[in-house]
Amino acid sequence: MATRGINKVILIGHLGKDPDVRYFPSGDAVANFNLATSEAWRDRNTGELQERTEWHRVAIFGKAAEVAKQYLRKGSKVYIEGKLRTRKWQTADGQDRYTTEVVVDIGGTMQLLDSRSSGSSEFEASDQFTTPPPPYAAPVQPAPPPVQPAPPPVQSAPAPVQPAPAPAPQSAYGRHLDPNFTDATPVPPLPTRQPMTSEAAPFDDDIPF
């Protein structure tokens, strides 16, 4: 597609006053404010520092206008990327007037260049808002960070198994040898062994042949 020219304006400056936000019957918002851009140089003849300020009329449409209403204040530093547009209007006495302003609409950009805190909200300089095409969609919210899985529960070490006590030693008669053990059952006396004699049994010589 052939183009007949380029109409693009880039400005970085400070607001002269708070934005004036109005709404159309359709519900779309427009924010108007004056933006000051300054340049400084040193005079070659006198050596004095010179400064010149230009004021630009800016009109922002759509969701970006509501963002401007919420965050922009007098003195805010802002980056504007839009296009020039001249509109015609009439005064109260019917006189025609023309105003040339920088319009930020579809394809335009507004970016805050300073941090501003409002209540519990804080707007960082890196955040950027671009006017969406109609119908104006709500800005996309960033996806929440992934939820980290909970660490597995720590298993406690099992309690050491106590070995079963060894049974108390018993004698040949089934009695405990533990000196601290008391048994009311009387122990039968051991049988008395007969002493061996040295005399041999009489030998019978009357053995028949």
C-alpha atoms as a PDB file:
ATOM      1  CA  MET A   1       0.000   0.000   0.000  1.00  0.00           C
ATOM      2  CA  ALA A   2       1.481   3.323  -1.077  1.00  0.00           C
ATOM      3  CA  THR A   3       1.779   6.124   1.486  1.00  0.00           C
ATOM      4  CA  ARG A   4       1.476   9.844   0.764  1.00  0.00           C
ATOM      5  CA  GLY A   5       3.640  10.896   3.702  1.00  0.00           C
ATOM      6  CA  ILE A   6       4.488  10.360   7.353  1.00  0.00           C
ATOM      7  CA  ASN A   7       2.790  12.182  10.196  1.00  0.00           C
ATOM      8  CA  LYS A   8       4.575  11.249  13.414  1.00  0.00           C
ATOM      9  CA  VAL A   9       5.469  13.291  16.479  1.00  0.00           C
ATOM     10  CA  ILE A  10       7.684  12.255  19.408  1.00  0.00           C
ATOM     11  CA  LEU A  11       7.795  14.431  22.518  1.00  0.00           C
ATOM     12  CA  ILE A  12       9.399  14.171  25.947  1.00  0.00           C
ATOM     13  CA  GLY A  13       8.381  16.858  28.379  1.00  0.00           C
ATOM     14  CA  HIS A  14       6.573  17.878  31.555  1.00  0.00           C
ATOM     15  CA  LEU A  15       2.896  18.597  32.089  1.00  0.00           C
ATOM     16  CA  GLY A  16       1.947  22.208  32.711  1.00  0.00           C
ATOM     17  CA  LYS A  17      -1.175  21.206  34.688  1.00  0.00           C
ATOM     18  CA  ASP A  18      -3.280  18.188  35.580  1.00  0.00           C
ATOM     19  CA  PRO A  19      -4.998  16.478  32.633  1.00  0.00           C
ATOM     20  CA  ASP A  20      -8.527  17.552  31.748  1.00  0.00           C
ATOM     21  CA  VAL A  21     -10.502  14.336  31.138  1.00  0.00           C
ATOM     22  CA  ARG A  22     -13.909  14.310  29.449  1.00  0.00           C
ATOM     23  CA  TYR A  23     -16.172  11.588  28.118  1.00  0.00           C
ATOM     24  CA  PHE A  24     -18.057  11.280  24.847  1.00  0.00           C
ATOM     25  CA  PRO A  25     -21.677  10.066  24.722  1.00  0.00           C
ATOM     26  CA  SER A  26     -20.296   6.692  23.602  1.00  0.00           C
ATOM     27  CA  GLY A  27     -18.394   6.406  26.888  1.00  0.00           C
ATOM     28  CA  ASP A  28     -14.913   6.858  25.370  1.00  0.00           C
ATOM     29  CA  ALA A  29     -12.563   9.173  27.275  1.00  0.00           C
ATOM     30  CA  VAL A  30     -10.277  11.950  26.048  1.00  0.00           C
ATOM     31  CA  ALA A  31      -7.543  13.607  28.129  1.00  0.00           C
ATOM     32  CA  ASN A  32      -6.172  17.040  27.194  1.00  0.00           C
ATOM     33  CA  PHE A  33      -3.094  18.717  28.657  1.00  0.00           C
ATOM     34  CA  ASN A  34      -0.234  21.014  27.723  1.00  0.00           C
ATOM     35  CA  LEU A  35       3.245  19.517  27.491  1.00  0.00           C
ATOM     36  CA  ALA A  36       6.374  21.650  27.820  1.00  0.00           C
ATOM     37  CA  THR A  37       9.603  20.776  26.007  1.00  0.00           C
ATOM     38  CA  SER A  38      12.696  22.822  26.776  1.00  0.00           C
ATOM     39  CA  GLU A  39      16.065  23.221  25.114  1.00  0.00           C
ATOM     40  CA  ALA A  40      19.120  25.043  26.447  1.00  0.00           C
ATOM     41  CA  TRP A  41      22.265  26.399  24.821  1.00  0.00           C
ATOM     42  CA  ARG A  42      25.076  28.807  25.607  1.00  0.00           C
ATOM     43  CA  ASP A  43      25.277  32.094  23.737  1.00  0.00           C
ATOM     44  CA  ARG A  44      28.497  32.352  21.733  1.00  0.00           C
ATOM     45  CA  ASN A  45      28.820  36.098  22.231  1.00  0.00           C
ATOM     46  CA  THR A  46      27.953  36.508  25.898  1.00  0.00           C
ATOM     47  CA  GLY A  47      28.589  32.982  27.179  1.00  0.00           C
ATOM     48  CA  GLU A  48      25.284  33.064  29.013  1.00  0.00           C
ATOM     49  CA  LEU A  49      23.056  30.003  29.206  1.00  0.00           C
ATOM     50  CA  GLN A  50      19.887  30.428  27.172  1.00  0.00           C
ATOM     51  CA  GLU A  51      16.719  28.378  27.427  1.00  0.00           C
ATOM     52  CA  ARG A  52      13.595  28.148  25.322  1.00  0.00           C
ATOM     53  CA  THR A  53      10.371  26.325  26.120  1.00  0.00           C
ATOM     54  CA  GLU A  54       7.719  25.182  23.671  1.00  0.00           C
ATOM     55  CA  TRP A  55       4.200  24.252  24.700  1.00  0.00           C
ATOM     56  CA  HIS A  56       2.348  21.475  22.891  1.00  0.00           C
ATOM     57  CA  ARG A  57      -1.344  20.725  23.079  1.00  0.00           C
ATOM     58  CA  VAL A  58      -1.826  16.949  23.560  1.00  0.00           C
ATOM     59  CA  ALA A  59      -5.052  14.933  23.243  1.00  0.00           C
ATOM     60  CA  ILE A  60      -5.113  11.287  24.336  1.00  0.00           C
ATOM     61  CA  PHE A  61      -8.041   8.992  23.535  1.00  0.00           C
ATOM     62  CA  GLY A  62      -9.297   5.648  24.818  1.00  0.00           C
ATOM     63  CA  LYS A  63      -7.897   3.651  27.714  1.00  0.00           C
ATOM     64  CA  ALA A  64      -4.701   5.696  27.714  1.00  0.00           C
ATOM     65  CA  ALA A  65      -6.808   8.748  28.623  1.00  0.00           C
ATOM     66  CA  GLU A  66      -8.060   7.003  31.764  1.00  0.00           C
ATOM     67  CA  VAL A  67      -4.489   6.023  32.635  1.00  0.00           C
ATOM     68  CA  ALA A  68      -3.443   9.662  32.202  1.00  0.00           C
ATOM     69  CA  LYS A  69      -6.249  10.730  34.535  1.00  0.00           C
ATOM     70  CA  GLN A  70      -5.068   8.290  37.193  1.00  0.00           C
ATOM     71  CA  TYR A  71      -1.301   8.801  37.055  1.00  0.00           C
ATOM     72  CA  LEU A  72      -0.430  12.109  35.376  1.00  0.00           C
ATOM     73  CA  ARG A  73      -0.160  15.291  37.421  1.00  0.00           C
ATOM     74  CA  LYS A  74       1.302  18.733  36.956  1.00  0.00           C
ATOM     75  CA  GLY A  75       5.070  18.353  36.485  1.00  0.00           C
ATOM     76  CA  SER A  76       4.933  14.678  35.450  1.00  0.00           C
ATOM     77  CA  LYS A  77       7.523  13.690  32.875  1.00  0.00           C
ATOM     78  CA  VAL A  78       6.042  11.718  30.005  1.00  0.00           C
ATOM     79  CA  TYR A  79       6.942  10.302  26.605  1.00  0.00           C
ATOM     80  CA  ILE A  80       4.388  10.915  23.852  1.00  0.00           C
ATOM     81  CA  GLU A  81       4.296   9.350  20.407  1.00  0.00           C
ATOM     82  CA  GLY A  82       1.418  10.482  18.207  1.00  0.00           C
ATOM     83  CA  LYS A  83       0.516  12.564  15.168  1.00  0.00           C
ATOM     84  CA  LEU A  84      -0.424  16.148  14.374  1.00  0.00           C
ATOM     85  CA  ARG A  85      -4.048  16.986  13.762  1.00  0.00           C
ATOM     86  CA  THR A  86      -5.764  20.335  13.205  1.00  0.00           C
ATOM     87  CA  ARG A  87      -9.389  20.738  14.224  1.00  0.00           C
ATOM     88  CA  LYS A  88     -11.863  23.504  13.737  1.00  0.00           C
ATOM     89  CA  TRP A  89     -14.093  24.883  16.465  1.00  0.00           C
ATOM     90  CA  GLN A  90     -16.215  27.964  17.133  1.00  0.00           C
ATOM     91  CA  THR A  91     -16.178  30.483  19.918  1.00  0.00           C
ATOM     92  CA  ALA A  92     -19.268  31.640  21.816  1.00  0.00           C
ATOM     93  CA  ASP A  93     -19.747  34.509  19.371  1.00  0.00           C
ATOM     94  CA  GLY A  94     -19.571  32.189  16.344  1.00  0.00           C
ATOM     95  CA  GLN A  95     -15.960  32.866  15.331  1.00  0.00           C
ATOM     96  CA  ASP A  96     -14.081  29.971  13.728  1.00  0.00           C
ATOM     97  CA  ARG A  97     -10.911  28.883  15.426  1.00  0.00           C
ATOM     98  CA  TYR A  98      -8.320  26.241  14.544  1.00  0.00           C
ATOM     99  CA  THR A  99      -6.220  24.253  16.947  1.00  0.00           C
ATOM    100  CA  THR A 100      -3.304  21.999  16.048  1.00  0.00           C
ATOM    101  CA  GLU A 101      -2.552  19.354  18.632  1.00  0.00           C
ATOM    102  CA  VAL A 102      -0.670  16.100  19.067  1.00  0.00           C
ATOM    103  CA  VAL A 103      -3.181  13.255  19.003  1.00  0.00           C
ATOM    104  CA  VAL A 104      -2.482   9.909  20.677  1.00  0.00           C
ATOM    105  CA  ASP A 105      -5.020   7.365  19.502  1.00  0.00           C
ATOM    106  CA  ILE A 106      -4.746   4.050  17.641  1.00  0.00           C
ATOM    107  CA  GLY A 107      -1.054   3.286  17.217  1.00  0.00           C
ATOM    108  CA  GLY A 108       0.010   6.067  19.608  1.00  0.00           C
ATOM    109  CA  THR A 109       2.022   5.592  22.769  1.00  0.00           C
ATOM    110  CA  MET A 110       2.150   7.222  26.190  1.00  0.00           C
ATOM    111  CA  GLN A 111       4.898   6.260  28.618  1.00  0.00           C
ATOM    112  CA  LEU A 112       5.512   7.683  32.068  1.00  0.00           C
ATOM    113  CA  LEU A 113       9.150   8.519  32.722  1.00  0.00           C
ATOM    114  CA  ASP A 114       8.995   9.053  36.468  1.00  0.00           C
ATOM    115  CA  SER A 115       7.701   6.968  39.371  1.00  0.00           C
ATOM    116  CA  ARG A 116       4.636   8.144  41.178  1.00  0.00           C
ATOM    117  CA  SER A 117       2.935   6.621  44.186  1.00  0.00           C
ATOM    118  CA  SER A 118      -0.819   6.907  44.635  1.00  0.00           C
ATOM    119  CA  GLY A 119      -2.122   5.286  47.810  1.00  0.00           C
ATOM    120  CA  SER A 120      -1.001   1.688  47.718  1.00  0.00           C
ATOM    121  CA  SER A 121      -0.325   1.762  43.947  1.00  0.00           C
ATOM    122  CA  GLU A 122       3.034   2.630  42.432  1.00  0.00           C
ATOM    123  CA  PHE A 123       3.614   3.252  38.731  1.00  0.00           C
ATOM    124  CA  GLU A 124       7.096   2.428  37.440  1.00  0.00           C
ATOM    125  CA  ALA A 125       8.769   4.316  34.605  1.00  0.00           C
ATOM    126  CA  SER A 126       9.156   1.158  32.538  1.00  0.00           C
ATOM    127  CA  ASP A 127       5.368   0.595  32.258  1.00  0.00           C
ATOM    128  CA  GLN A 128       3.985   1.566  28.872  1.00  0.00           C
ATOM    129  CA  PHE A 129       0.427   1.962  27.631  1.00  0.00           C
ATOM    130  CA  THR A 130      -0.585   1.863  23.997  1.00  0.00           C
ATOM    131  CA  THR A 131      -4.066   2.922  22.957  1.00  0.00           C
ATOM    132  CA  PRO A 132      -5.901  -0.188  21.709  1.00  0.00           C
ATOM    133  CA  PRO A 133      -8.149  -0.062  18.639  1.00  0.00           C
ATOM    134  CA  PRO A 134     -11.913   0.201  19.239  1.00  0.00           C
ATOM    135  CA  PRO A 135     -13.756  -1.439  20.765  1.00  0.00           C
ATOM    136  CA  TYR A 136     -11.267  -0.631  23.518  1.00  0.00           C
ATOM    137  CA  ALA A 137     -10.259  -3.799  25.266  1.00  0.00           C
ATOM    138  CA  ALA A 138      -9.133  -3.888  28.842  1.00  0.00           C
ATOM    139  CA  PRO A 139      -5.351  -3.959  29.256  1.00  0.00           C
ATOM    140  CA  VAL A 140      -3.907  -7.402  29.529  1.00  0.00           C
ATOM    141  CA  GLN A 141      -2.850  -8.236  33.050  1.00  0.00           C
ATOM    142  CA  PRO A 142       0.506 -10.009  33.413  1.00  0.00           C
ATOM    143  CA  ALA A 143       0.271 -13.695  34.166  1.00  0.00           C
ATOM    144  CA  PRO A 144       0.876 -14.560  37.820  1.00  0.00           C
ATOM    145  CA  PRO A 145       4.177 -16.272  38.591  1.00  0.00           C
ATOM    146  CA  PRO A 146       3.995 -20.069  38.618  1.00  0.00           C
ATOM    147  CA  VAL A 147       3.260 -21.575  41.996  1.00  0.00           C
ATOM    148  CA  GLN A 148       6.242 -23.442  43.319  1.00  0.00           C
ATOM    149  CA  PRO A 149       5.355 -26.979  44.512  1.00  0.00           C
ATOM    150  CA  ALA A 150       5.583 -27.517  48.227  1.00  0.00           C
ATOM    151  CA  PRO A 151       8.639 -29.507  49.334  1.00  0.00           C
ATOM    152  CA  PRO A 152       7.937 -33.121  50.310  1.00  0.00           C
ATOM    153  CA  PRO A 153       7.405 -33.668  54.039  1.00  0.00           C
ATOM    154  CA  VAL A 154      10.483 -34.653  55.935  1.00  0.00           C
ATOM    155  CA  GLN A 155      10.197 -38.231  57.154  1.00  0.00           C
ATOM    156  CA  SER A 156      11.329 -38.651  60.715  1.00  0.00           C
ATOM    157  CA  ALA A 157      13.785 -41.416  61.391  1.00  0.00           C
ATOM    158  CA  PRO A 158      12.142 -44.551  62.892  1.00  0.00           C
ATOM    159  CA  ALA A 159      12.739 -45.143  66.553  1.00  0.00           C
ATOM    160  CA  PRO A 160      15.450 -47.743  67.189  1.00  0.00           C
ATOM    161  CA  VAL A 161      14.086 -51.184  68.002  1.00  0.00           C
ATOM    162  CA  GLN A 162      15.055 -52.274  71.485  1.00  0.00           C
ATOM    163  CA  PRO A 163      16.253 -55.907  71.576  1.00  0.00           C
ATOM    164  CA  ALA A 164      14.157 -58.259  73.655  1.00  0.00           C
ATOM    165  CA  PRO A 165      15.773 -59.105  77.000  1.00  0.00           C
ATOM    166  CA  ALA A 166      17.531 -62.440  77.011  1.00  0.00           C
ATOM    167  CA  PRO A 167      15.849 -65.070  79.170  1.00  0.00           C
ATOM    168  CA  ALA A 168      17.466 -65.686  82.504  1.00  0.00           C
ATOM    169  CA  PRO A 169      19.689 -68.772  82.515  1.00  0.00           C
ATOM    170  CA  GLN A 170      18.230 -71.855  84.095  1.00  0.00           C
ATOM    171  CA  SER A 171      19.815 -74.770  85.819  1.00  0.00           C
ATOM    172  CA  ALA A 172      19.286 -78.359  84.860  1.00  0.00           C
ATOM    173  CA  TYR A 173      16.259 -78.419  87.106  1.00  0.00           C
ATOM    174  CA  GLY A 174      14.565 -75.453  85.454  1.00  0.00           C
ATOM    175  CA  ARG A 175      15.444 -73.048  88.263  1.00  0.00           C
ATOM    176  CA  HIS A 176      16.620 -69.508  87.635  1.00  0.00           C
ATOM    177  CA  LEU A 177      20.243 -68.836  88.439  1.00  0.00           C
ATOM    178  CA  ASP A 178      19.628 -65.155  88.986  1.00  0.00           C
ATOM    179  CA  PRO A 179      20.662 -64.452  92.595  1.00  0.00           C
ATOM    180  CA  ASN A 180      17.918 -61.841  92.854  1.00  0.00           C
ATOM    181  CA  PHE A 181      15.195 -64.335  91.828  1.00  0.00           C
ATOM    182  CA  THR A 182      13.111 -65.764  94.628  1.00  0.00           C
ATOM    183  CA  ASP A 183      11.051 -68.928  94.175  1.00  0.00           C
ATOM    184  CA  ALA A 184       8.883 -70.278  96.919  1.00  0.00           C
ATOM    185  CA  THR A 185       8.935 -73.806  95.484  1.00  0.00           C
ATOM    186  CA  PRO A 186      11.398 -75.940  97.464  1.00  0.00           C
ATOM    187  CA  VAL A 187      14.189 -77.486  95.509  1.00  0.00           C
ATOM    188  CA  PRO A 188      14.333 -81.283  95.896  1.00  0.00           C
ATOM    189  CA  PRO A 189      17.619 -82.528  97.270  1.00  0.00           C
ATOM    190  CA  LEU A 190      20.035 -84.154  94.929  1.00  0.00           C
ATOM    191  CA  PRO A 191      20.250 -87.963  95.196  1.00  0.00           C
ATOM    192  CA  THR A 192      23.092 -89.238  97.356  1.00  0.00           C
ATOM    193  CA  ARG A 193      25.651 -91.261  95.505  1.00  0.00           C
ATOM    194  CA  GLN A 194      26.971 -94.423  97.204  1.00  0.00           C
ATOM    195  CA  PRO A 195      30.695 -94.450  97.828  1.00  0.00           C
ATOM    196  CA  MET A 196      32.672 -97.017  95.926  1.00  0.00           C
ATOM    197  CA  THR A 197      34.563 -99.670  97.991  1.00  0.00           C
ATOM    198  CA  SER A 198      37.893-101.135  97.180  1.00  0.00           C
ATOM    199  CA  GLU A 199      36.799-104.694  98.009  1.00  0.00           C
ATOM    200  CA  ALA A 200      35.998-106.748  94.974  1.00  0.00           C
ATOM    201  CA  ALA A 201      33.007-108.976  94.884  1.00  0.00           C
ATOM    202  CA  PRO A 202      33.690-112.585  95.941  1.00  0.00           C
ATOM    203  CA  PHE A 203      34.762-114.761  93.056  1.00  0.00           C
ATOM    204  CA  ASP A 204      33.057-118.091  92.719  1.00  0.00           C
ATOM    205  CA  ASP A 205      35.602-120.794  91.934  1.00  0.00           C
ATOM    206  CA  ASP A 206      33.001-123.448  91.442  1.00  0.00           C
ATOM    207  CA  ILE A 207      32.590-122.792  87.770  1.00  0.00           C
ATOM    208  CA  PRO A 208      31.598-126.012  85.972  1.00  0.00           C
ATOM    209  CA  PHE A 209      33.712-127.022  83.002  1.00  0.00           C
END
